[in-house]
Amino acid sequence: MTNAIQIEGLTKSFGTTTALAGVDLSVPAGRVLGVLGPNGAGKTTLVRILATLLLPDRGSVRVGPYDVVRDSHQARALTGLTGQYAAVDEVLSGFENLWVVGRLLGLSRAETKRRAGELLSRLGLAEAAGRPVRTYSGGMRRRLDLATSLVSQPRVLFLDEPTTGLDPRSRGELWELVRELVIGGTTVLLTTQYLEEADRLADEIVIIDRGRIVASGTANELKTRVGGQTLVVRPRHQVDLPVLRDLAASICGGAPRIDGDQVLAAIADPAVSAVLAQRLESAGVPVAELALREVSLDEVFLAITGTGDRSPACPQRTVG
C-alpha cells in the first residue's frame, strides 16, 4: 500500500522554542491517523507544515508524490484543511462561501452548485444555506468550515480538532462523514482533544509530546502498553478515599490515583481485585463499587505524556 503522507526527520523551531524535534511518520492511503498530544506538543505545527502553510526547518515531508516545499502547489491540490477555528466569511451566506471556494478552485458553475448543495445537505446546513454566516451558531460555522475543505474532494484531508464546539449529535454526524470519505479512498490526518474520537475513527494513533512522537500503534496496542484493565473502586464514604488509595498501592505497587469520588489503578492481574476486596473488608472500609474495566484511551494519554500517572500497571504476578 502506498503512503499518502511520508515524513522523515521533520524539525521546526520558533526562536528558542522547538515545536517539532525530528518527527518520522507515514500514513498509508485510505487510512485515518489520529494525532494526540498535550497543548503545545506540536500537533498544529505538524498540520500547518503538511498543508504548506509553514516551512520546515529540516526534514522531508511528502503528500502523495509531492514534496511540500519543492512541489507546494501540486501538494495543495491534493489536500483539504479544517483548522482549529472556523475560517469562513461571516458576511456571505453558507452557500456563497462554498460557491467562492469552488470557483477559486476552478470548478464549473454547475459543478460548484452541485457540490455546495450536496455538502450543505450532508452537514445539516441546507435550511440555513441562504443566511449570512454571522447568524450561524458556533457548531454551524464549524460544519461549514469542514464543507469548504471538502469542495475539491481532496485525496488527503487534514482535520485539526474539527469537532471543537459541536454538540454530541453533530459530532457523531461528522464521524460518519469521515468514515464515508475514507471508504471512498480519502486519507485523513486527525488531531483531536476528544480521545473517544481517535478511538472511534483512527486506524492508528501517534502521541506527540514536546515535539517528538513518544508512542504509536492502534488504540488497543496503546491500551495494552499501559495496562490491560483499570480497577475502579468507589468507597461508600469519600473520607476513605486516601485509605483506599494507599491500600490499592500496597497491593499494586504502582501509584493509583483519586479521580473524583473513586480510585483508579491500572492492573495486569485481575486477581488483584479480589485481594483488595479482602483487605478493604479487613480494614473496615465499605465500598459502593469495585469493578474492572478496559483501560481507556484517556488513561493511556495521561500515562504516556506524563500529564497524569506515569507508573506502570501492576506486574503479572501471583497474588495471595
Protein backbone atom coordinates (compact mmCIF):
# COMPACT_ATOMS: atom_id res chain seq x y z
CA MET A 1 0.00 0.00 0.00
CA THR A 2 1.43 3.40 -0.97
CA ASN A 3 1.77 6.16 1.60
CA ALA A 4 -0.34 9.29 1.26
CA ILE A 5 1.87 11.07 3.82
CA GLN A 6 5.57 10.44 4.40
CA ILE A 7 7.61 12.44 6.94
CA GLU A 8 11.27 11.91 7.81
CA GLY A 9 13.32 13.88 10.34
CA LEU A 10 10.95 16.85 10.50
CA THR A 11 12.08 19.70 12.73
CA LYS A 12 10.63 23.14 13.31
CA SER A 13 11.55 25.82 15.84
CA PHE A 14 10.20 29.26 16.65
CA GLY A 15 13.07 31.20 18.14
CA THR A 16 14.31 29.19 21.12
CA THR A 17 11.15 27.07 21.22
CA THR A 18 11.32 23.69 19.48
CA ALA A 19 7.90 22.73 18.13
CA LEU A 20 8.95 19.57 16.28
CA ALA A 21 12.15 17.70 17.10
CA GLY A 22 12.73 15.01 14.50
CA VAL A 23 9.31 13.57 13.61
CA ASP A 24 9.08 10.44 11.44
CA LEU A 25 5.73 9.04 10.37
CA SER A 26 3.88 7.59 7.42
CA VAL A 27 0.20 7.23 6.65
CA PRO A 28 -0.96 4.66 4.09
CA ALA A 29 -3.53 5.83 1.54
CA GLY A 30 -7.12 5.43 2.63
CA ARG A 31 -6.39 5.31 6.36
CA VAL A 32 -7.06 7.57 9.36
CA LEU A 33 -4.14 8.62 11.55
CA GLY A 34 -5.07 10.13 14.92
CA VAL A 35 -2.53 12.57 16.35
CA LEU A 36 -2.81 13.17 20.08
CA GLY A 37 -0.76 15.28 22.45
CA PRO A 38 -0.97 17.94 25.16
CA ASN A 39 -1.49 21.57 24.23
CA GLY A 40 1.75 22.89 22.75
CA ALA A 41 3.02 19.44 21.81
CA GLY A 42 3.43 20.36 18.12
CA LYS A 43 0.27 18.92 16.56
CA THR A 44 -0.92 22.09 14.83
CA THR A 45 2.60 22.92 13.65
CA LEU A 46 2.74 19.48 12.03
CA VAL A 47 -0.60 20.06 10.27
CA ARG A 48 0.40 23.52 9.05
CA ILE A 49 3.61 22.19 7.52
CA LEU A 50 1.73 19.38 5.79
CA ALA A 51 -0.76 21.92 4.46
CA THR A 52 2.12 24.07 3.09
CA LEU A 53 1.28 26.95 5.45
CA LEU A 54 4.65 26.70 7.24
CA LEU A 55 8.11 25.83 6.00
CA PRO A 56 10.01 23.11 7.89
CA ASP A 57 13.49 23.84 9.20
CA ARG A 58 14.80 20.39 8.27
CA GLY A 59 13.48 17.05 7.09
CA SER A 60 11.48 15.60 4.24
CA VAL A 61 7.70 15.98 4.04
CA ARG A 62 5.70 14.50 1.18
CA VAL A 63 1.97 14.43 0.44
CA GLY A 64 1.38 11.77 -2.16
CA PRO A 65 4.34 12.00 -4.56
CA TYR A 66 4.93 15.70 -3.87
CA ASP A 67 7.42 17.43 -1.59
CA VAL A 68 5.52 20.13 0.34
CA VAL A 69 8.36 22.64 -0.14
CA ARG A 70 9.54 21.96 -3.67
CA ASP A 71 6.14 20.98 -5.09
CA SER A 72 3.88 23.00 -2.81
CA HIS A 73 1.32 23.88 -5.50
CA GLN A 74 0.83 20.23 -6.51
CA ALA A 75 0.69 19.13 -2.86
CA ARG A 76 -2.00 21.70 -2.08
CA ALA A 77 -4.10 20.44 -4.98
CA LEU A 78 -4.35 17.04 -3.25
CA THR A 79 -5.38 18.31 0.17
CA GLY A 80 -8.13 19.87 2.21
CA LEU A 81 -7.74 21.50 5.63
CA THR A 82 -10.09 22.24 8.50
CA GLY A 83 -8.25 24.20 11.18
CA GLN A 84 -8.95 24.72 14.86
CA TYR A 85 -11.07 27.79 14.19
CA ALA A 86 -13.73 28.25 11.53
CA ALA A 87 -12.32 30.31 8.63
CA VAL A 88 -15.46 31.40 6.83
CA ASP A 89 -16.74 34.79 5.65
CA GLU A 90 -19.44 35.98 8.05
CA VAL A 91 -20.97 38.44 5.56
CA LEU A 92 -21.60 35.79 2.90
CA SER A 93 -24.20 33.08 3.20
CA GLY A 94 -23.28 29.44 3.68
CA PHE A 95 -23.92 28.72 0.01
CA GLU A 96 -21.91 31.76 -1.10
CA ASN A 97 -18.92 30.66 0.96
CA LEU A 98 -18.88 27.32 -0.83
CA TRP A 99 -19.53 28.98 -4.19
CA VAL A 100 -16.47 31.21 -3.81
CA VAL A 101 -14.26 28.28 -2.84
CA GLY A 102 -15.49 26.15 -5.72
CA ARG A 103 -14.96 28.84 -8.32
CA LEU A 104 -11.49 29.68 -6.96
CA LEU A 105 -10.62 26.01 -7.30
CA GLY A 106 -11.62 26.12 -10.96
CA LEU A 107 -14.85 24.14 -10.76
CA SER A 108 -17.54 24.96 -13.30
CA ARG A 109 -20.64 26.84 -12.18
CA ALA A 110 -22.75 23.69 -12.45
CA GLU A 111 -20.25 21.55 -10.53
CA THR A 112 -19.81 24.21 -7.83
CA LYS A 113 -23.58 24.46 -7.35
CA ARG A 114 -23.90 20.67 -7.17
CA ARG A 115 -21.05 20.26 -4.66
CA ALA A 116 -22.30 23.14 -2.49
CA GLY A 117 -25.82 21.74 -2.33
CA GLU A 118 -24.55 18.23 -1.61
CA LEU A 119 -22.25 19.34 1.21
CA LEU A 120 -24.76 21.71 2.80
CA SER A 121 -27.32 18.92 2.87
CA ARG A 122 -24.87 16.30 4.18
CA LEU A 123 -23.72 18.57 7.01
CA GLY A 124 -27.21 19.64 8.07
CA LEU A 125 -26.93 23.20 6.77
CA ALA A 126 -29.40 23.12 3.86
CA GLU A 127 -32.07 25.17 5.66
CA ALA A 128 -29.50 27.83 6.61
CA ALA A 129 -27.77 27.89 3.21
CA GLY A 130 -29.09 31.35 2.27
CA ARG A 131 -28.50 33.01 5.64
CA PRO A 132 -25.42 35.16 6.41
CA VAL A 133 -22.86 33.14 8.34
CA ARG A 134 -22.86 35.77 11.11
CA THR A 135 -26.26 34.32 12.13
CA TYR A 136 -24.84 30.78 12.47
CA SER A 137 -24.06 29.14 15.78
CA GLY A 138 -20.50 28.09 16.56
CA GLY A 139 -21.27 24.50 15.67
CA MET A 140 -22.81 25.50 12.35
CA ARG A 141 -19.72 27.52 11.47
CA ARG A 142 -17.52 24.50 12.22
CA ARG A 143 -19.61 22.36 9.88
CA LEU A 144 -19.47 25.00 7.14
CA ASP A 145 -15.70 25.25 7.57
CA LEU A 146 -15.44 21.49 7.10
CA ALA A 147 -17.62 21.76 3.99
CA THR A 148 -15.26 24.31 2.43
CA SER A 149 -12.36 21.84 2.83
CA LEU A 150 -14.35 19.14 1.02
CA VAL A 151 -15.42 21.13 -2.05
CA SER A 152 -12.44 19.88 -4.04
CA GLN A 153 -12.95 16.25 -2.96
CA PRO A 154 -9.39 16.07 -1.58
CA ARG A 155 -7.37 12.86 -1.59
CA VAL A 156 -5.77 13.84 1.73
CA LEU A 157 -7.73 15.67 4.43
CA PHE A 158 -6.18 17.38 7.46
CA LEU A 159 -8.60 17.82 10.36
CA ASP A 160 -7.15 19.89 13.21
CA GLU A 161 -9.55 19.44 16.14
CA PRO A 162 -12.54 19.53 13.77
CA THR A 163 -15.33 18.83 16.26
CA THR A 164 -14.48 21.58 18.75
CA GLY A 165 -17.74 23.30 19.66
CA LEU A 166 -20.00 20.65 18.15
CA ASP A 167 -22.79 19.05 20.14
CA PRO A 168 -22.74 15.24 20.50
CA ARG A 169 -25.20 14.69 17.65
CA SER A 170 -23.25 16.91 15.23
CA ARG A 171 -20.01 15.24 16.31
CA GLY A 172 -21.48 11.84 15.52
CA GLU A 173 -22.63 13.04 12.09
CA LEU A 174 -19.14 14.33 11.32
CA TRP A 175 -17.62 10.98 12.39
CA GLU A 176 -19.96 9.24 9.96
CA LEU A 177 -18.92 11.62 7.19
CA VAL A 178 -15.23 10.91 7.87
CA ARG A 179 -15.90 7.17 7.64
CA GLU A 180 -17.64 7.66 4.29
CA LEU A 181 -14.72 9.71 2.97
CA VAL A 182 -12.24 7.00 4.00
CA ILE A 183 -14.34 4.30 2.33
CA GLY A 184 -14.13 6.44 -0.81
CA GLY A 185 -10.33 6.45 -0.61
CA THR A 186 -9.58 9.70 1.25
CA THR A 187 -6.67 9.68 3.69
CA VAL A 188 -7.30 11.58 6.94
CA LEU A 189 -4.88 13.01 9.48
CA LEU A 190 -6.89 13.95 12.56
CA THR A 191 -5.74 15.89 15.61
CA THR A 192 -8.23 15.96 18.44
CA GLN A 193 -8.71 16.66 22.13
CA TYR A 194 -11.57 14.17 22.23
CA LEU A 195 -9.81 10.86 22.84
CA GLU A 196 -13.03 8.96 22.15
CA GLU A 197 -12.89 10.50 18.67
CA ALA A 198 -9.47 8.98 17.99
CA ASP A 199 -10.60 5.68 19.47
CA ARG A 200 -13.63 5.58 17.16
CA LEU A 201 -12.04 6.82 13.93
CA ALA A 202 -8.30 6.19 13.81
CA ASP A 203 -6.71 3.11 12.27
CA GLU A 204 -3.51 4.10 14.06
CA ILE A 205 -2.65 6.69 16.69
CA VAL A 206 0.54 8.62 17.37
CA ILE A 207 1.09 10.57 20.59
CA ILE A 208 3.29 13.66 20.34
CA ASP A 209 4.87 15.22 23.42
CA ARG A 210 7.39 18.08 23.39
CA GLY A 211 7.72 17.85 19.63
CA ARG A 212 8.52 14.13 19.48
CA ILE A 213 6.47 11.02 18.82
CA VAL A 214 6.51 9.18 22.16
CA ALA A 215 4.13 6.34 21.28
CA SER A 216 2.33 4.87 18.29
CA GLY A 217 0.07 1.96 17.48
CA THR A 218 -3.56 1.02 17.30
CA ALA A 219 -5.81 2.08 20.16
CA ASN A 220 -5.78 -1.48 21.53
CA GLU A 221 -1.98 -1.71 21.31
CA LEU A 222 -1.58 1.53 23.26
CA LYS A 223 -4.06 0.39 25.88
CA THR A 224 -2.17 -2.89 26.32
CA ARG A 225 1.07 -0.95 26.73
CA VAL A 226 -0.29 0.94 29.74
CA GLY A 227 -2.17 -1.93 31.35
CA GLY A 228 -4.83 -4.35 30.30
CA GLN A 229 -7.51 -3.22 32.73
CA THR A 230 -8.40 -0.48 35.18
CA LEU A 231 -9.51 -1.23 38.71
CA VAL A 232 -12.27 1.16 39.76
CA VAL A 233 -13.10 1.43 43.45
CA ARG A 234 -15.60 3.86 44.95
CA PRO A 235 -15.87 3.97 48.74
CA ARG A 236 -19.19 4.46 50.43
CA HIS A 237 -17.71 7.43 52.31
CA GLN A 238 -15.44 9.85 50.48
CA VAL A 239 -13.36 10.38 53.61
CA ASP A 240 -11.99 6.88 52.99
CA LEU A 241 -10.51 7.77 49.59
CA PRO A 242 -6.89 8.26 50.83
CA VAL A 243 -7.02 4.99 52.79
CA LEU A 244 -8.42 3.15 49.78
CA ARG A 245 -5.72 4.60 47.52
CA ASP A 246 -2.97 3.54 49.93
CA LEU A 247 -4.36 0.01 50.20
CA ALA A 248 -4.53 -0.27 46.43
CA ALA A 249 -0.95 1.00 46.14
CA SER A 250 0.30 -1.60 48.65
CA ILE A 251 -1.14 -4.39 46.51
CA CYS A 252 -0.43 -2.96 43.08
CA GLY A 253 2.98 -1.50 43.75
CA GLY A 254 2.22 1.44 41.47
CA ALA A 255 0.51 4.74 42.20
CA PRO A 256 -3.30 4.55 41.98
CA ARG A 257 -4.96 7.93 41.64
CA ILE A 258 -8.04 9.56 43.08
CA ASP A 259 -10.46 10.68 40.37
CA GLY A 260 -13.49 12.44 41.81
CA ASP A 261 -15.19 10.04 44.21
CA GLN A 262 -13.27 6.96 43.11
CA VAL A 263 -9.79 5.44 42.98
CA LEU A 264 -8.39 4.19 39.66
CA ALA A 265 -5.43 1.83 39.18
CA ALA A 266 -4.13 0.19 36.00
CA ILE A 267 -3.61 -3.52 36.62
CA ALA A 268 -2.35 -6.51 34.66
CA ASP A 269 -3.59 -9.26 37.00
CA PRO A 270 -7.38 -9.38 37.62
CA ALA A 271 -6.76 -11.32 40.87
CA VAL A 272 -5.71 -8.01 42.42
CA SER A 273 -9.37 -7.02 42.73
CA ALA A 274 -10.20 -9.98 44.98
CA VAL A 275 -7.19 -9.32 47.20
CA LEU A 276 -8.12 -5.64 47.51
CA ALA A 277 -11.70 -6.56 48.44
CA GLN A 278 -10.37 -8.76 51.27
CA ARG A 279 -8.03 -6.02 52.51
CA LEU A 280 -10.82 -3.43 52.45
CA GLU A 281 -13.12 -5.71 54.42
CA SER A 282 -10.39 -6.35 57.00
CA ALA A 283 -9.72 -2.61 57.29
CA GLY A 284 -13.43 -1.88 57.72
CA VAL A 285 -13.67 0.32 54.63
CA PRO A 286 -17.09 -0.15 52.98
CA VAL A 287 -17.25 0.30 49.21
CA ALA A 288 -20.10 1.25 46.91
CA GLU A 289 -18.39 -0.09 43.79
CA LEU A 290 -15.45 -2.32 42.93
CA ALA A 291 -15.12 -3.20 39.26
CA LEU A 292 -12.72 -3.93 36.44
CA ARG A 293 -12.96 -2.24 33.06
CA GLU A 294 -10.81 -1.87 29.98
CA VAL A 295 -8.25 0.89 30.29
CA SER A 296 -9.40 3.99 28.41
CA LEU A 297 -7.50 6.00 25.82
CA ASP A 298 -7.69 8.93 28.24
CA GLU A 299 -5.67 6.93 30.75
CA VAL A 300 -3.20 5.90 28.05
CA PHE A 301 -2.74 9.56 27.14
CA LEU A 302 -2.20 10.64 30.74
CA ALA A 303 0.26 7.84 31.46
CA ILE A 304 2.36 8.28 28.32
CA THR A 305 2.56 12.07 28.23
CA GLY A 306 3.17 12.44 31.94
CA THR A 307 0.13 14.69 32.38
CA GLY A 308 -1.02 12.10 34.86
CA ASP A 309 0.41 8.97 36.47
CA ARG A 310 3.44 7.54 34.64
CA SER A 311 3.70 4.47 36.89
CA PRO A 312 3.40 1.07 35.20
CA ALA A 313 0.49 -1.24 35.68
CA CYS A 314 0.59 -3.88 38.39
CA PRO A 315 3.01 -6.55 37.15
CA GLN A 316 1.84 -10.01 36.31
CA ARG A 317 2.44 -11.98 39.49
CA THR A 318 0.93 -14.47 41.82
CA VAL A 319 -1.32 -12.70 44.27
CA GLY A 320 -2.18 -14.37 47.54
